[in-house]
Amino acid sequence: MGPSQPPPGKSRNLGERPRRRPDLILPIPQREFSYAVPLPLPPPSAPSNTTYSYQVHHHPVSLSELERLNRLGSGSGGTVYKVLHRPTGKLFALKVIHGNHEDSVRRQIRREIEILRDVDNPNVVKCHNIFDHNGEIQVLLEYMDGGSLEGKHIADEFSLAELSRQVLSGLRYLHGRRNGRRIVHRDIKPSNLLINSQKQVKIADFGVGRVLAQTIEPCNSAVGTIAYMSPERIDTNLNDGRYDGRAGDIWSLGVSILEFYLGRFPFKVSRPGDWASLMCAICMATPPEPPLTASREFRDFISCCLHREPAGRWTARQLLDHPFILRNTGVRGSYSVDVAVGRGGGSVTV
């Protein structure tokens, strides 16, 4: 299979538009090594000072039974703690979201939590329950002892293919739920991909996710991490103003996988931290490619993800049948990332 060549883009010259805020800058990409976890919200009709319980091996969990062991990380969404459920000895991650929320935000939260509570896939981080306690939302999550893959360098194509296979399996589940509710993540990036000691890679952090089939507003608001956004999401004039969130997730996956391979963010900009330069690179430049030293299959796999036209990108289901995935995952049976590698960077050993 030869490398797929994207057709010429329809992008406008963004340089012709005056920038409203020339002082805005954005790190490329952001390097805050936080423990990225899903951001579900309170269940419907929930009073603000109520504590909800979750069954762990038929034992109801109350907030008072959770012992905070240490802080795993902090971010704009809150603080995450490693916690122990004392009666069972089971470990969880507890995300604490500070501050009160307006009624309109809570209504949106309730809609999304109804979807996220029943998400059940081995490649998606499990949200067990919500504690809405004294105006502070606390989310009980599956604990991933290997942390995130942020800053990791994975040059081995066998390991990278297995990582890709697991993430694509999670995306296929989210994008094509059998109950008709298709979930778009909208913030796929290395820090939102977690790993555990069983070598399972899971998608995390649905704080900006949307449900395509049950939303009133268009799925095109400027949320997520701009460094991993697709061209048509940044410049809404592309693709005739239409935005396919599932195709956007595939673009973000392609950028992330190429970043793992290269050990650096794949887009080149004239000045680090220049927001306008970054947006122009994503919207106008030729999509980045692996070096010629990479295999033909891997180069084609990336081109199928980073096709400039959304309709030209392969779906998660199609990519799972790509030769890069089939040939490499057929040789190695399991993902071999060494989770003992520090979260701050370095090569992933195989």
Protein backbone atom coordinates (compact mmCIF):
# COMPACT_ATOMS: atom_id res chain seq x y z
CA MET A 1 0.00 0.00 0.00
CA GLY A 2 1.52 3.30 -1.04
CA PRO A 3 1.37 6.42 1.14
CA SER A 4 -1.91 8.26 0.86
CA GLN A 5 -1.51 11.78 -0.51
CA PRO A 6 -4.05 14.34 0.71
CA PRO A 7 -5.65 16.51 -1.96
CA PRO A 8 -4.80 20.21 -2.05
CA GLY A 9 -6.39 22.02 0.89
CA LYS A 10 -9.00 24.72 0.62
CA SER A 11 -7.56 26.79 3.44
CA ARG A 12 -7.54 30.55 3.23
CA ASN A 13 -4.52 32.64 3.94
CA LEU A 14 -4.88 33.20 7.66
CA GLY A 15 -2.20 35.88 7.48
CA GLU A 16 -4.68 38.20 5.75
CA ARG A 17 -6.77 38.37 8.90
CA PRO A 18 -5.76 40.82 11.61
CA ARG A 19 -5.12 39.15 14.93
CA ARG A 20 -7.39 40.37 17.68
CA ARG A 21 -4.93 39.55 20.44
CA PRO A 22 -1.35 39.61 19.13
CA ASP A 23 -0.01 38.97 22.64
CA LEU A 24 -1.63 35.53 22.97
CA ILE A 25 0.85 32.68 23.12
CA LEU A 26 0.49 28.96 23.70
CA PRO A 27 3.19 26.43 24.66
CA ILE A 28 3.68 23.77 21.98
CA PRO A 29 2.51 21.47 23.38
CA GLN A 30 1.62 22.11 27.00
CA ARG A 31 3.89 20.19 29.34
CA GLU A 32 2.10 20.13 32.64
CA PHE A 33 2.53 16.57 33.80
CA SER A 34 -0.77 16.10 35.54
CA TYR A 35 -2.66 12.88 36.03
CA ALA A 36 -5.29 13.26 33.31
CA VAL A 37 -8.62 11.73 34.24
CA PRO A 38 -12.21 11.91 33.00
CA LEU A 39 -14.26 14.89 34.09
CA PRO A 40 -17.79 13.57 34.52
CA LEU A 41 -20.36 15.63 36.33
CA PRO A 42 -23.10 15.10 38.91
CA PRO A 43 -25.98 12.75 38.26
CA PRO A 44 -29.36 14.18 37.32
CA SER A 45 -31.61 15.63 40.01
CA ALA A 46 -28.78 15.56 42.52
CA PRO A 47 -28.91 17.87 45.50
CA SER A 48 -25.65 19.75 45.97
CA ASN A 49 -24.80 18.35 49.41
CA THR A 50 -25.55 14.69 48.77
CA THR A 51 -23.00 11.87 48.86
CA TYR A 52 -23.52 8.98 46.45
CA SER A 53 -22.18 5.47 46.94
CA TYR A 54 -20.57 2.95 44.62
CA GLN A 55 -20.53 -0.82 45.11
CA VAL A 56 -17.02 -2.30 45.34
CA HIS A 57 -17.34 -6.08 45.55
CA HIS A 58 -20.82 -5.57 47.07
CA HIS A 59 -19.43 -3.11 49.61
CA PRO A 60 -20.93 0.40 49.42
CA VAL A 61 -18.27 3.13 49.29
CA SER A 62 -18.74 6.29 51.29
CA LEU A 63 -16.49 9.31 51.13
CA SER A 64 -15.43 8.77 54.75
CA GLU A 65 -14.01 5.34 53.83
CA LEU A 66 -11.58 6.80 51.28
CA GLU A 67 -8.11 7.58 52.60
CA ARG A 68 -6.04 10.02 50.55
CA LEU A 69 -2.56 8.56 50.14
CA ASN A 70 -0.83 11.15 47.95
CA ARG A 71 -1.47 13.74 45.28
CA LEU A 72 -1.11 12.42 41.73
CA GLY A 73 -1.34 15.74 39.95
CA SER A 74 -3.14 19.02 39.48
CA GLY A 75 -4.53 20.85 36.51
CA SER A 76 -7.14 23.35 35.43
CA GLY A 77 -9.86 20.78 36.12
CA GLY A 78 -8.91 20.12 39.73
CA THR A 79 -6.61 17.96 41.85
CA VAL A 80 -6.27 14.19 41.63
CA TYR A 81 -5.41 11.99 44.61
CA LYS A 82 -4.52 8.35 44.95
CA VAL A 83 -6.98 7.00 47.50
CA LEU A 84 -7.44 3.74 49.38
CA HIS A 85 -10.83 2.24 50.08
CA ARG A 86 -10.03 1.00 53.58
CA PRO A 87 -12.66 -1.78 53.90
CA THR A 88 -11.56 -3.54 50.68
CA GLY A 89 -7.98 -2.33 50.19
CA LYS A 90 -8.84 -1.28 46.64
CA LEU A 91 -7.04 1.71 45.11
CA PHE A 92 -8.84 4.45 43.18
CA ALA A 93 -8.10 7.86 41.79
CA LEU A 94 -10.21 10.67 43.23
CA LYS A 95 -10.51 13.87 41.22
CA VAL A 96 -11.59 16.86 43.28
CA ILE A 97 -13.15 19.70 41.28
CA HIS A 98 -13.10 22.87 43.32
CA GLY A 99 -15.68 25.64 43.33
CA ASN A 100 -19.42 25.88 42.85
CA HIS A 101 -21.06 25.64 39.44
CA GLU A 102 -23.93 27.60 37.95
CA ASP A 103 -27.22 25.88 37.22
CA SER A 104 -26.63 25.94 33.47
CA VAL A 105 -23.27 24.22 33.94
CA ARG A 106 -24.82 21.63 36.22
CA ARG A 107 -27.51 20.86 33.65
CA GLN A 108 -24.84 20.26 31.04
CA ILE A 109 -22.90 18.15 33.53
CA ARG A 110 -25.92 15.98 34.24
CA ARG A 111 -26.50 15.32 30.56
CA GLU A 112 -22.92 14.19 30.05
CA ILE A 113 -22.64 12.11 33.22
CA GLU A 114 -25.63 10.05 32.14
CA ILE A 115 -23.62 9.06 29.08
CA LEU A 116 -20.25 8.59 30.78
CA ARG A 117 -21.50 6.53 33.71
CA ASP A 118 -22.30 3.56 31.51
CA VAL A 119 -19.14 3.73 29.39
CA ASP A 120 -17.57 0.28 29.76
CA ASN A 121 -14.58 -0.57 27.60
CA PRO A 122 -11.13 -1.98 28.48
CA ASN A 123 -9.46 0.93 26.70
CA VAL A 124 -11.44 3.73 28.36
CA VAL A 125 -10.77 4.83 31.95
CA LYS A 126 -13.74 3.85 34.10
CA CYS A 127 -15.68 6.51 35.98
CA HIS A 128 -17.11 4.72 39.01
CA ASN A 129 -19.14 7.44 40.69
CA ILE A 130 -19.59 11.04 41.80
CA PHE A 131 -19.58 12.53 45.29
CA ASP A 132 -21.25 15.94 45.38
CA HIS A 133 -20.24 17.05 48.85
CA ASN A 134 -20.55 20.56 50.31
CA GLY A 135 -20.49 22.13 46.87
CA GLU A 136 -17.33 20.26 45.87
CA ILE A 137 -17.56 17.64 43.12
CA GLN A 138 -15.38 14.57 43.69
CA VAL A 139 -15.11 11.90 41.02
CA LEU A 140 -14.17 8.30 41.82
CA LEU A 141 -12.12 6.84 38.98
CA GLU A 142 -10.21 3.77 37.97
CA TYR A 143 -6.62 4.03 39.20
CA MET A 144 -3.96 3.77 36.45
CA ASP A 145 -0.68 3.06 38.21
CA GLY A 146 1.55 3.88 35.22
CA GLY A 147 0.28 7.43 34.82
CA SER A 148 0.05 9.26 31.51
CA LEU A 149 2.17 8.84 28.38
CA GLU A 150 2.92 12.55 28.23
CA GLY A 151 6.52 13.18 27.15
CA LYS A 152 7.27 9.56 26.22
CA HIS A 153 9.46 8.63 23.25
CA ILE A 154 8.38 5.36 21.62
CA ALA A 155 10.54 4.73 18.56
CA ASP A 156 9.81 0.99 18.31
CA GLU A 157 7.06 0.43 15.74
CA PHE A 158 5.87 -2.84 17.31
CA SER A 159 5.12 -1.13 20.61
CA LEU A 160 3.67 1.92 18.86
CA ALA A 161 1.33 -0.27 16.78
CA GLU A 162 0.02 -2.00 19.92
CA LEU A 163 -0.47 1.35 21.65
CA SER A 164 -2.33 2.62 18.58
CA ARG A 165 -4.46 -0.53 18.46
CA GLN A 166 -5.61 -0.08 22.03
CA VAL A 167 -6.45 3.61 21.63
CA LEU A 168 -8.27 2.90 18.37
CA SER A 169 -10.27 0.16 20.10
CA GLY A 170 -11.41 2.71 22.67
CA LEU A 171 -12.26 5.26 19.98
CA ARG A 172 -14.18 2.70 17.93
CA TYR A 173 -16.30 1.97 20.99
CA LEU A 174 -16.90 5.65 21.75
CA HIS A 175 -17.58 6.69 18.15
CA GLY A 176 -19.99 3.88 17.41
CA ARG A 177 -21.87 2.98 20.57
CA ARG A 178 -24.50 0.32 19.88
CA ASN A 179 -27.12 2.19 21.84
CA GLY A 180 -26.94 4.98 19.27
CA ARG A 181 -25.14 7.53 21.44
CA ARG A 182 -21.87 8.33 19.76
CA ILE A 183 -19.29 9.98 21.99
CA VAL A 184 -16.66 12.38 20.69
CA HIS A 185 -13.66 12.93 22.95
CA ARG A 186 -12.30 16.16 21.36
CA ASP A 187 -9.09 16.26 23.41
CA ILE A 188 -7.01 13.23 22.43
CA LYS A 189 -3.37 13.93 23.32
CA PRO A 190 -0.50 12.10 25.09
CA SER A 191 -1.41 13.38 28.56
CA ASN A 192 -4.92 11.92 28.17
CA LEU A 193 -3.61 8.43 27.39
CA LEU A 194 -2.92 6.44 30.56
CA ILE A 195 -1.23 3.09 31.14
CA ASN A 196 -1.26 0.56 33.98
CA SER A 197 1.06 -2.22 35.07
CA GLN A 198 -0.97 -4.72 33.02
CA LYS A 199 0.16 -2.82 29.90
CA GLN A 200 -3.35 -1.57 29.21
CA VAL A 201 -3.56 1.83 27.53
CA LYS A 202 -6.77 3.76 28.21
CA ILE A 203 -8.34 7.00 27.05
CA ALA A 204 -9.01 9.49 29.84
CA ASP A 205 -10.38 12.97 30.48
CA PHE A 206 -13.78 13.55 28.93
CA GLY A 207 -14.01 17.07 30.31
CA VAL A 208 -14.65 18.51 26.84
CA GLY A 209 -16.42 15.48 25.31
CA ARG A 210 -19.75 15.78 23.59
CA VAL A 211 -22.42 13.36 22.46
CA LEU A 212 -23.17 13.76 18.78
CA ALA A 213 -26.63 12.24 18.68
CA GLN A 214 -28.00 14.05 21.74
CA THR A 215 -26.69 17.59 21.55
CA ILE A 216 -28.48 20.71 20.38
CA GLU A 217 -25.49 22.95 19.71
CA PRO A 218 -22.96 22.17 16.94
CA CYS A 219 -19.94 20.15 18.01
CA ASN A 220 -17.44 22.81 16.98
CA SER A 221 -16.71 25.02 19.97
CA ALA A 222 -13.09 25.97 20.60
CA VAL A 223 -12.34 23.68 23.53
CA GLY A 224 -9.56 21.18 23.99
CA THR A 225 -5.85 21.62 23.32
CA ILE A 226 -5.19 23.65 20.19
CA ALA A 227 -1.87 21.95 19.40
CA TYR A 228 -3.73 18.71 18.64
CA MET A 229 -6.80 20.22 16.93
CA SER A 230 -7.60 19.42 13.32
CA PRO A 231 -7.38 22.20 10.68
CA GLU A 232 -11.15 22.43 10.13
CA ARG A 233 -11.73 22.84 13.84
CA ILE A 234 -9.34 25.80 14.08
CA ASP A 235 -10.45 27.47 10.84
CA THR A 236 -14.21 26.99 10.55
CA ASN A 237 -14.13 28.21 6.93
CA LEU A 238 -12.49 24.94 5.96
CA ASN A 239 -14.67 21.99 4.97
CA ASP A 240 -17.56 24.40 4.29
CA GLY A 241 -17.92 25.05 8.02
CA ARG A 242 -18.77 21.43 8.83
CA TYR A 243 -17.00 19.69 11.69
CA ASP A 244 -16.97 15.93 12.21
CA GLY A 245 -15.85 15.30 15.77
CA ARG A 246 -14.92 11.70 15.07
CA ALA A 247 -12.62 12.74 12.22
CA GLY A 248 -11.19 15.38 14.57
CA ASP A 249 -10.34 12.68 17.13
CA ILE A 250 -8.50 10.70 14.43
CA TRP A 251 -6.40 13.76 13.51
CA SER A 252 -5.49 14.26 17.18
CA LEU A 253 -4.55 10.59 17.46
CA GLY A 254 -2.28 10.88 14.41
CA VAL A 255 -0.49 13.91 15.86
CA SER A 256 -0.04 12.10 19.19
CA ILE A 257 1.29 8.87 17.66
CA LEU A 258 3.74 10.79 15.48
CA GLU A 259 4.87 12.75 18.55
CA PHE A 260 5.58 9.48 20.37
CA TYR A 261 7.65 8.27 17.41
CA LEU A 262 9.65 11.48 16.94
CA GLY A 263 10.05 12.26 20.63
CA ARG A 264 8.90 15.83 19.95
CA PHE A 265 5.84 17.75 18.83
CA PRO A 266 5.63 17.15 15.04
CA PHE A 267 4.59 20.61 13.78
CA LYS A 268 7.30 23.18 13.17
CA VAL A 269 6.60 26.82 13.92
CA SER A 270 8.68 29.93 13.30
CA ARG A 271 8.74 30.97 16.94
CA PRO A 272 8.04 28.66 19.90
CA GLY A 273 4.93 29.70 21.81
CA ASP A 274 3.49 31.75 18.94
CA TRP A 275 -0.22 30.93 18.79
CA ALA A 276 -0.75 32.41 15.32
CA SER A 277 2.26 30.57 13.92
CA LEU A 278 0.98 27.31 15.35
CA MET A 279 -2.50 27.77 13.87
CA CYS A 280 -1.04 28.63 10.46
CA ALA A 281 1.18 25.54 10.59
CA ILE A 282 -1.81 23.30 11.34
CA CYS A 283 -4.22 24.91 8.87
CA MET A 284 -1.93 25.76 5.96
CA ALA A 285 1.25 23.69 6.04
CA THR A 286 1.56 20.18 4.65
CA PRO A 287 0.67 17.68 7.39
CA PRO A 288 3.77 16.29 9.13
CA GLU A 289 5.11 12.88 8.15
CA PRO A 290 7.37 10.27 9.69
CA PRO A 291 10.96 10.27 8.38
CA LEU A 292 11.90 8.08 5.43
CA THR A 293 13.60 5.71 7.86
CA ALA A 294 10.17 4.67 9.17
CA SER A 295 8.40 1.72 7.61
CA ARG A 296 6.15 2.19 4.63
CA GLU A 297 3.18 0.90 6.64
CA PHE A 298 3.73 3.40 9.46
CA ARG A 299 4.10 6.32 7.06
CA ASP A 300 0.84 5.37 5.38
CA PHE A 301 -0.91 4.88 8.72
CA ILE A 302 0.00 8.44 9.76
CA SER A 303 -1.13 9.81 6.38
CA CYS A 304 -4.50 8.10 6.85
CA CYS A 305 -4.88 9.94 10.18
CA LEU A 306 -3.49 13.32 9.09
CA HIS A 307 -5.40 13.72 5.84
CA ARG A 308 -6.21 17.40 5.43
CA GLU A 309 -9.77 16.68 4.28
CA PRO A 310 -11.84 15.16 7.13
CA ALA A 311 -13.64 12.83 4.73
CA GLY A 312 -10.26 11.44 3.65
CA ARG A 313 -9.30 10.33 7.16
CA TRP A 314 -9.89 6.70 8.01
CA THR A 315 -12.29 5.84 10.79
CA ALA A 316 -11.15 4.07 13.95
CA ARG A 317 -12.67 0.84 12.65
CA GLN A 318 -10.82 1.13 9.33
CA LEU A 319 -7.51 1.97 11.01
CA LEU A 320 -7.74 -1.17 13.15
CA ASP A 321 -7.48 -3.12 9.87
CA HIS A 322 -4.54 -1.08 8.55
CA PRO A 323 -1.42 -3.15 7.68
CA PHE A 324 0.63 -1.21 10.24
CA ILE A 325 -1.67 -2.46 13.00
CA LEU A 326 -2.29 -5.98 11.70
CA ARG A 327 1.29 -6.89 10.88
CA ASN A 328 2.92 -5.47 13.99
CA THR A 329 0.38 -6.51 16.60
CA GLY A 330 0.34 -9.99 15.08
CA VAL A 331 4.07 -10.34 15.80
CA ARG A 332 4.04 -9.04 19.36
CA GLY A 333 1.22 -10.19 21.58
CA SER A 334 1.21 -7.44 24.19
CA TYR A 335 2.23 -3.87 24.67
CA SER A 336 5.67 -3.67 26.24
CA VAL A 337 6.01 -0.18 27.63
CA ASP A 338 8.04 -0.02 30.82
CA VAL A 339 5.72 1.88 33.16
CA ALA A 340 8.59 2.44 35.58
CA VAL A 341 9.92 5.17 33.28
CA GLY A 342 9.52 8.58 34.90
CA ARG A 343 6.61 10.74 33.85
CA GLY A 344 8.90 13.62 32.96
CA GLY A 345 10.07 12.11 29.69
CA GLY A 346 12.69 9.68 28.42
CA SER A 347 12.49 6.72 26.13
CA VAL A 348 10.01 3.95 26.67
CA THR A 349 11.85 0.65 26.82
CA VAL A 350 10.58 -2.49 25.13
